Amino acid sequence: MQQKWLKGMTAAAVLGMLLAGRGQAKTPAQGPAVEPPTKQTQGSGTDQNKAQAPQGQTGGTQEQQSKQSKVKIYFGDDQMENLVEKEATITYKQDTDKYAATLKAQAGDGDSKTTPLFKGFTFKSVTFKDGLVTVDLSMSPESRLGSGGEELLLSALKRSLFQFSEVKSINVLVDGKEEESLMGHMDLPHPIKRGQD
């Protein structure tokens, strides 16, 4: 009698472990559906983002689909004396994300004839409200430029964001604070208004 009871308990325990093991085996397969979409960068990830869009149907399919736009971005020339305008394709989800995507596109490497002005910059947040774009950024030591470089950078910032007609002013914060200057050479108005030199 005891042996039958012991065999029954052993069989129940083994069955319980098998069922528990099957439940755990399913969990990793479900994981990617819960993960957020991959980070968007210039010209990459478009197909991947579109493939993942239907999974998180909280805000409707249209909001989840990636959009692409051609924008003007700016670099310094090889002598750091003039701006060089280029065209780039940016990828973003919501219209308000295009400002951050445009700035990030300028942080990439230039070529042999251009110098990236935003190298070493981290754009912590870029928000838009009532015609004002607020850019909160951090700068690494490599992002420090001389007075000519700082002037080019501010000019590139204004041109790249004011290309969007709805942007009327820009407020630049450094680690959440309004600073008098980005690098100590040029005044940094709060905010920078369209048409202001």
C-alpha atoms as a PDB file:
ATOM      1  CA  MET A   1       0.000   0.000   0.000  1.00  0.00           C
ATOM      2  CA  GLN A   2       2.798   2.369   0.898  1.00  0.00           C
ATOM      3  CA  GLN A   3       4.639   1.579  -2.338  1.00  0.00           C
ATOM      4  CA  LYS A   4       1.557   2.430  -4.454  1.00  0.00           C
ATOM      5  CA  TRP A   5       1.144   5.691  -2.571  1.00  0.00           C
ATOM      6  CA  LEU A   6       4.872   6.518  -3.016  1.00  0.00           C
ATOM      7  CA  LYS A   7       4.749   5.724  -6.743  1.00  0.00           C
ATOM      8  CA  GLY A   8       1.646   7.911  -7.133  1.00  0.00           C
ATOM      9  CA  MET A   9       3.308  10.844  -5.359  1.00  0.00           C
ATOM     10  CA  THR A  10       6.484  10.446  -7.452  1.00  0.00           C
ATOM     11  CA  ALA A  11       4.462  10.378 -10.677  1.00  0.00           C
ATOM     12  CA  ALA A  12       2.553  13.492  -9.595  1.00  0.00           C
ATOM     13  CA  ALA A  13       5.801  15.302  -8.748  1.00  0.00           C
ATOM     14  CA  VAL A  14       7.371  14.383 -12.097  1.00  0.00           C
ATOM     15  CA  LEU A  15       4.226  15.493 -13.936  1.00  0.00           C
ATOM     16  CA  GLY A  16       4.229  18.772 -11.995  1.00  0.00           C
ATOM     17  CA  MET A  17       7.882  19.450 -12.927  1.00  0.00           C
ATOM     18  CA  LEU A  18       7.217  18.670 -16.582  1.00  0.00           C
ATOM     19  CA  LEU A  19       4.266  21.034 -16.684  1.00  0.00           C
ATOM     20  CA  ALA A  20       6.249  23.738 -14.904  1.00  0.00           C
ATOM     21  CA  GLY A  21       9.115  23.226 -17.352  1.00  0.00           C
ATOM     22  CA  ARG A  22       6.753  23.624 -20.333  1.00  0.00           C
ATOM     23  CA  GLY A  23       5.411  26.904 -18.922  1.00  0.00           C
ATOM     24  CA  GLN A  24       8.941  28.267 -18.518  1.00  0.00           C
ATOM     25  CA  ALA A  25       9.915  27.199 -22.013  1.00  0.00           C
ATOM     26  CA  LYS A  26       7.156  29.397 -23.429  1.00  0.00           C
ATOM     27  CA  THR A  27       8.210  32.514 -21.518  1.00  0.00           C
ATOM     28  CA  PRO A  28      11.350  33.408 -23.546  1.00  0.00           C
ATOM     29  CA  ALA A  29       9.457  33.025 -26.816  1.00  0.00           C
ATOM     30  CA  GLN A  30       6.931  35.621 -25.597  1.00  0.00           C
ATOM     31  CA  GLY A  31       9.625  38.051 -24.356  1.00  0.00           C
ATOM     32  CA  PRO A  32      10.317  39.998 -27.594  1.00  0.00           C
ATOM     33  CA  ALA A  33       6.647  40.948 -27.952  1.00  0.00           C
ATOM     34  CA  VAL A  34       6.870  42.866 -24.654  1.00  0.00           C
ATOM     35  CA  GLU A  35      10.210  44.575 -25.343  1.00  0.00           C
ATOM     36  CA  PRO A  36      10.101  48.157 -26.647  1.00  0.00           C
ATOM     37  CA  PRO A  37      10.881  48.773 -30.331  1.00  0.00           C
ATOM     38  CA  THR A  38      14.525  49.078 -31.292  1.00  0.00           C
ATOM     39  CA  LYS A  39      16.131  52.503 -31.031  1.00  0.00           C
ATOM     40  CA  GLN A  40      15.805  54.522 -34.214  1.00  0.00           C
ATOM     41  CA  THR A  41      18.863  55.897 -35.879  1.00  0.00           C
ATOM     42  CA  GLN A  42      19.415  57.672 -39.134  1.00  0.00           C
ATOM     43  CA  GLY A  43      18.520  55.443 -42.047  1.00  0.00           C
ATOM     44  CA  SER A  44      18.344  52.178 -40.091  1.00  0.00           C
ATOM     45  CA  GLY A  45      15.805  49.976 -38.387  1.00  0.00           C
ATOM     46  CA  THR A  46      12.865  50.972 -40.580  1.00  0.00           C
ATOM     47  CA  ASP A  47      11.843  47.444 -41.568  1.00  0.00           C
ATOM     48  CA  GLN A  48      12.374  46.177 -38.039  1.00  0.00           C
ATOM     49  CA  ASN A  49      10.214  48.935 -36.540  1.00  0.00           C
ATOM     50  CA  LYS A  50       7.419  48.311 -39.030  1.00  0.00           C
ATOM     51  CA  ALA A  51       7.487  44.608 -38.256  1.00  0.00           C
ATOM     52  CA  GLN A  52       7.153  45.265 -34.531  1.00  0.00           C
ATOM     53  CA  ALA A  53       4.504  47.967 -34.817  1.00  0.00           C
ATOM     54  CA  PRO A  54       1.365  45.746 -34.763  1.00  0.00           C
ATOM     55  CA  GLN A  55       2.441  44.004 -31.517  1.00  0.00           C
ATOM     56  CA  GLY A  56       1.907  46.963 -29.184  1.00  0.00           C
ATOM     57  CA  GLN A  57      -1.498  48.092 -30.400  1.00  0.00           C
ATOM     58  CA  THR A  58      -2.113  50.443 -27.491  1.00  0.00           C
ATOM     59  CA  GLY A  59      -2.179  53.664 -29.519  1.00  0.00           C
ATOM     60  CA  GLY A  60      -3.379  52.351 -32.876  1.00  0.00           C
ATOM     61  CA  THR A  61      -1.380  51.180 -35.837  1.00  0.00           C
ATOM     62  CA  GLN A  62      -0.844  54.589 -37.435  1.00  0.00           C
ATOM     63  CA  GLU A  63       1.001  55.968 -34.382  1.00  0.00           C
ATOM     64  CA  GLN A  64       3.243  52.894 -34.201  1.00  0.00           C
ATOM     65  CA  GLN A  65       4.472  53.035 -37.810  1.00  0.00           C
ATOM     66  CA  SER A  66       7.795  54.692 -38.542  1.00  0.00           C
ATOM     67  CA  LYS A  67       7.922  57.796 -40.714  1.00  0.00           C
ATOM     68  CA  GLN A  68      10.789  59.026 -42.831  1.00  0.00           C
ATOM     69  CA  SER A  69      11.662  62.548 -43.940  1.00  0.00           C
ATOM     70  CA  LYS A  70      14.510  64.195 -45.794  1.00  0.00           C
ATOM     71  CA  VAL A  71      16.034  67.044 -43.805  1.00  0.00           C
ATOM     72  CA  LYS A  72      18.974  69.422 -44.041  1.00  0.00           C
ATOM     73  CA  ILE A  73      21.793  68.819 -41.596  1.00  0.00           C
ATOM     74  CA  TYR A  74      24.980  70.811 -41.077  1.00  0.00           C
ATOM     75  CA  PHE A  75      28.663  70.121 -40.523  1.00  0.00           C
ATOM     76  CA  GLY A  76      31.719  72.359 -40.358  1.00  0.00           C
ATOM     77  CA  ASP A  77      34.075  72.351 -43.327  1.00  0.00           C
ATOM     78  CA  ASP A  78      37.533  70.798 -42.939  1.00  0.00           C
ATOM     79  CA  GLN A  79      38.955  74.188 -41.856  1.00  0.00           C
ATOM     80  CA  MET A  80      36.051  74.875 -39.410  1.00  0.00           C
ATOM     81  CA  GLU A  81      35.350  78.187 -41.156  1.00  0.00           C
ATOM     82  CA  ASN A  82      32.002  77.574 -42.874  1.00  0.00           C
ATOM     83  CA  LEU A  83      28.936  75.381 -42.610  1.00  0.00           C
ATOM     84  CA  VAL A  84      28.445  72.537 -45.066  1.00  0.00           C
ATOM     85  CA  GLU A  85      24.815  71.637 -45.740  1.00  0.00           C
ATOM     86  CA  LYS A  86      23.906  68.016 -46.433  1.00  0.00           C
ATOM     87  CA  GLU A  87      20.680  66.104 -46.884  1.00  0.00           C
ATOM     88  CA  ALA A  88      19.821  63.191 -44.614  1.00  0.00           C
ATOM     89  CA  THR A  89      16.882  60.825 -44.237  1.00  0.00           C
ATOM     90  CA  ILE A  90      15.623  60.597 -40.661  1.00  0.00           C
ATOM     91  CA  THR A  91      13.316  57.967 -39.185  1.00  0.00           C
ATOM     92  CA  TYR A  92      10.892  58.763 -36.358  1.00  0.00           C
ATOM     93  CA  LYS A  93       7.557  57.616 -34.917  1.00  0.00           C
ATOM     94  CA  GLN A  94       5.735  60.831 -33.964  1.00  0.00           C
ATOM     95  CA  ASP A  95       6.020  64.240 -35.613  1.00  0.00           C
ATOM     96  CA  THR A  96       7.558  65.728 -32.457  1.00  0.00           C
ATOM     97  CA  ASP A  97      10.408  63.164 -32.641  1.00  0.00           C
ATOM     98  CA  LYS A  98      11.738  64.625 -35.912  1.00  0.00           C
ATOM     99  CA  TYR A  99      13.577  67.430 -34.098  1.00  0.00           C
ATOM    100  CA  ALA A 100      15.642  65.005 -31.995  1.00  0.00           C
ATOM    101  CA  ALA A 101      16.265  62.784 -35.036  1.00  0.00           C
ATOM    102  CA  THR A 102      17.564  65.800 -36.994  1.00  0.00           C
ATOM    103  CA  LEU A 103      19.946  66.812 -34.203  1.00  0.00           C
ATOM    104  CA  LYS A 104      21.199  63.249 -33.725  1.00  0.00           C
ATOM    105  CA  ALA A 105      21.880  62.919 -37.456  1.00  0.00           C
ATOM    106  CA  GLN A 106      24.381  65.773 -37.098  1.00  0.00           C
ATOM    107  CA  ALA A 107      26.259  64.008 -34.292  1.00  0.00           C
ATOM    108  CA  GLY A 108      27.479  61.334 -36.704  1.00  0.00           C
ATOM    109  CA  ASP A 109      30.860  61.257 -38.364  1.00  0.00           C
ATOM    110  CA  GLY A 110      31.561  63.611 -41.211  1.00  0.00           C
ATOM    111  CA  ASP A 111      33.716  62.785 -44.211  1.00  0.00           C
ATOM    112  CA  SER A 112      37.189  63.945 -45.280  1.00  0.00           C
ATOM    113  CA  LYS A 113      35.828  67.393 -46.208  1.00  0.00           C
ATOM    114  CA  THR A 114      33.525  67.957 -43.222  1.00  0.00           C
ATOM    115  CA  THR A 115      33.793  68.075 -39.439  1.00  0.00           C
ATOM    116  CA  PRO A 116      30.898  66.962 -37.196  1.00  0.00           C
ATOM    117  CA  LEU A 117      29.962  69.860 -34.913  1.00  0.00           C
ATOM    118  CA  PHE A 118      27.775  67.830 -32.547  1.00  0.00           C
ATOM    119  CA  LYS A 119      30.252  65.012 -31.878  1.00  0.00           C
ATOM    120  CA  GLY A 120      30.282  64.142 -28.180  1.00  0.00           C
ATOM    121  CA  PHE A 121      26.820  65.646 -27.587  1.00  0.00           C
ATOM    122  CA  THR A 122      24.092  63.617 -25.902  1.00  0.00           C
ATOM    123  CA  PHE A 123      20.559  64.867 -26.486  1.00  0.00           C
ATOM    124  CA  LYS A 124      18.802  63.951 -23.244  1.00  0.00           C
ATOM    125  CA  SER A 125      15.428  65.291 -24.347  1.00  0.00           C
ATOM    126  CA  VAL A 126      13.999  67.330 -27.191  1.00  0.00           C
ATOM    127  CA  THR A 127      10.441  68.574 -26.693  1.00  0.00           C
ATOM    128  CA  PHE A 128       8.100  70.789 -28.695  1.00  0.00           C
ATOM    129  CA  LYS A 129       5.295  72.958 -27.345  1.00  0.00           C
ATOM    130  CA  ASP A 130       3.630  76.101 -28.693  1.00  0.00           C
ATOM    131  CA  GLY A 131       6.340  76.746 -31.289  1.00  0.00           C
ATOM    132  CA  LEU A 132       9.211  76.280 -28.795  1.00  0.00           C
ATOM    133  CA  VAL A 133      11.702  73.418 -29.115  1.00  0.00           C
ATOM    134  CA  THR A 134      13.500  72.758 -25.820  1.00  0.00           C
ATOM    135  CA  VAL A 135      16.757  70.834 -26.182  1.00  0.00           C
ATOM    136  CA  ASP A 136      18.353  69.413 -23.029  1.00  0.00           C
ATOM    137  CA  LEU A 137      21.844  68.180 -23.815  1.00  0.00           C
ATOM    138  CA  SER A 138      25.089  67.017 -22.247  1.00  0.00           C
ATOM    139  CA  MET A 139      28.548  67.628 -23.653  1.00  0.00           C
ATOM    140  CA  SER A 140      31.609  65.432 -23.317  1.00  0.00           C
ATOM    141  CA  PRO A 141      35.131  66.944 -23.282  1.00  0.00           C
ATOM    142  CA  GLU A 142      35.548  66.098 -27.005  1.00  0.00           C
ATOM    143  CA  SER A 143      32.566  68.298 -27.868  1.00  0.00           C
ATOM    144  CA  ARG A 144      34.324  71.497 -26.740  1.00  0.00           C
ATOM    145  CA  LEU A 145      35.238  73.723 -29.676  1.00  0.00           C
ATOM    146  CA  GLY A 146      36.988  77.074 -29.998  1.00  0.00           C
ATOM    147  CA  SER A 147      35.045  80.309 -30.505  1.00  0.00           C
ATOM    148  CA  GLY A 148      34.742  79.780 -34.282  1.00  0.00           C
ATOM    149  CA  GLY A 149      33.528  76.218 -33.778  1.00  0.00           C
ATOM    150  CA  GLU A 150      30.978  77.291 -31.177  1.00  0.00           C
ATOM    151  CA  GLU A 151      29.638  79.962 -33.545  1.00  0.00           C
ATOM    152  CA  LEU A 152      29.292  77.362 -36.337  1.00  0.00           C
ATOM    153  CA  LEU A 153      27.585  74.939 -33.963  1.00  0.00           C
ATOM    154  CA  LEU A 154      24.983  77.494 -32.852  1.00  0.00           C
ATOM    155  CA  SER A 155      24.373  78.447 -36.476  1.00  0.00           C
ATOM    156  CA  ALA A 156      23.938  74.745 -37.399  1.00  0.00           C
ATOM    157  CA  LEU A 157      21.529  74.264 -34.481  1.00  0.00           C
ATOM    158  CA  LYS A 158      19.389  77.208 -35.584  1.00  0.00           C
ATOM    159  CA  ARG A 159      19.362  76.265 -39.273  1.00  0.00           C
ATOM    160  CA  SER A 160      18.547  72.623 -38.629  1.00  0.00           C
ATOM    161  CA  LEU A 161      15.619  73.342 -36.274  1.00  0.00           C
ATOM    162  CA  PHE A 162      14.276  76.482 -37.984  1.00  0.00           C
ATOM    163  CA  GLN A 163      13.927  74.540 -41.250  1.00  0.00           C
ATOM    164  CA  PHE A 164      10.648  73.343 -39.699  1.00  0.00           C
ATOM    165  CA  SER A 165       8.173  76.206 -40.192  1.00  0.00           C
ATOM    166  CA  GLU A 166       6.304  75.474 -36.947  1.00  0.00           C
ATOM    167  CA  VAL A 167       9.435  76.113 -34.842  1.00  0.00           C
ATOM    168  CA  LYS A 168       9.463  79.745 -33.685  1.00  0.00           C
ATOM    169  CA  SER A 169      12.088  79.539 -30.927  1.00  0.00           C
ATOM    170  CA  ILE A 170      14.674  77.196 -29.392  1.00  0.00           C
ATOM    171  CA  ASN A 171      15.718  76.916 -25.752  1.00  0.00           C
ATOM    172  CA  VAL A 172      18.983  75.048 -25.146  1.00  0.00           C
ATOM    173  CA  LEU A 173      19.624  73.592 -21.689  1.00  0.00           C
ATOM    174  CA  VAL A 174      22.878  72.024 -20.540  1.00  0.00           C
ATOM    175  CA  ASP A 175      22.105  69.180 -18.129  1.00  0.00           C
ATOM    176  CA  GLY A 176      18.743  70.776 -17.377  1.00  0.00           C
ATOM    177  CA  LYS A 177      20.083  74.292 -16.721  1.00  0.00           C
ATOM    178  CA  GLU A 178      19.988  77.525 -18.702  1.00  0.00           C
ATOM    179  CA  GLU A 179      23.639  78.459 -19.191  1.00  0.00           C
ATOM    180  CA  GLU A 180      24.977  81.812 -20.434  1.00  0.00           C
ATOM    181  CA  SER A 181      27.131  80.028 -23.014  1.00  0.00           C
ATOM    182  CA  LEU A 182      27.610  76.505 -24.333  1.00  0.00           C
ATOM    183  CA  MET A 183      31.404  76.582 -24.399  1.00  0.00           C
ATOM    184  CA  GLY A 184      32.259  79.976 -22.903  1.00  0.00           C
ATOM    185  CA  HIS A 185      32.779  81.917 -26.164  1.00  0.00           C
ATOM    186  CA  MET A 186      29.331  82.853 -27.502  1.00  0.00           C
ATOM    187  CA  ASP A 187      26.223  84.144 -25.708  1.00  0.00           C
ATOM    188  CA  LEU A 188      23.373  81.646 -25.534  1.00  0.00           C
ATOM    189  CA  PRO A 189      19.977  83.440 -25.512  1.00  0.00           C
ATOM    190  CA  HIS A 190      17.014  81.833 -23.741  1.00  0.00           C
ATOM    191  CA  PRO A 191      15.212  81.295 -26.016  1.00  0.00           C
ATOM    192  CA  ILE A 192      16.819  81.739 -29.425  1.00  0.00           C
ATOM    193  CA  LYS A 193      14.119  83.285 -31.604  1.00  0.00           C
ATOM    194  CA  ARG A 194      13.608  82.786 -35.320  1.00  0.00           C
ATOM    195  CA  GLY A 195      15.374  85.576 -37.237  1.00  0.00           C
ATOM    196  CA  GLN A 196      17.598  86.430 -34.241  1.00  0.00           C
ATOM    197  CA  ASP A 197      21.306  86.692 -35.149  1.00  0.00           C
END
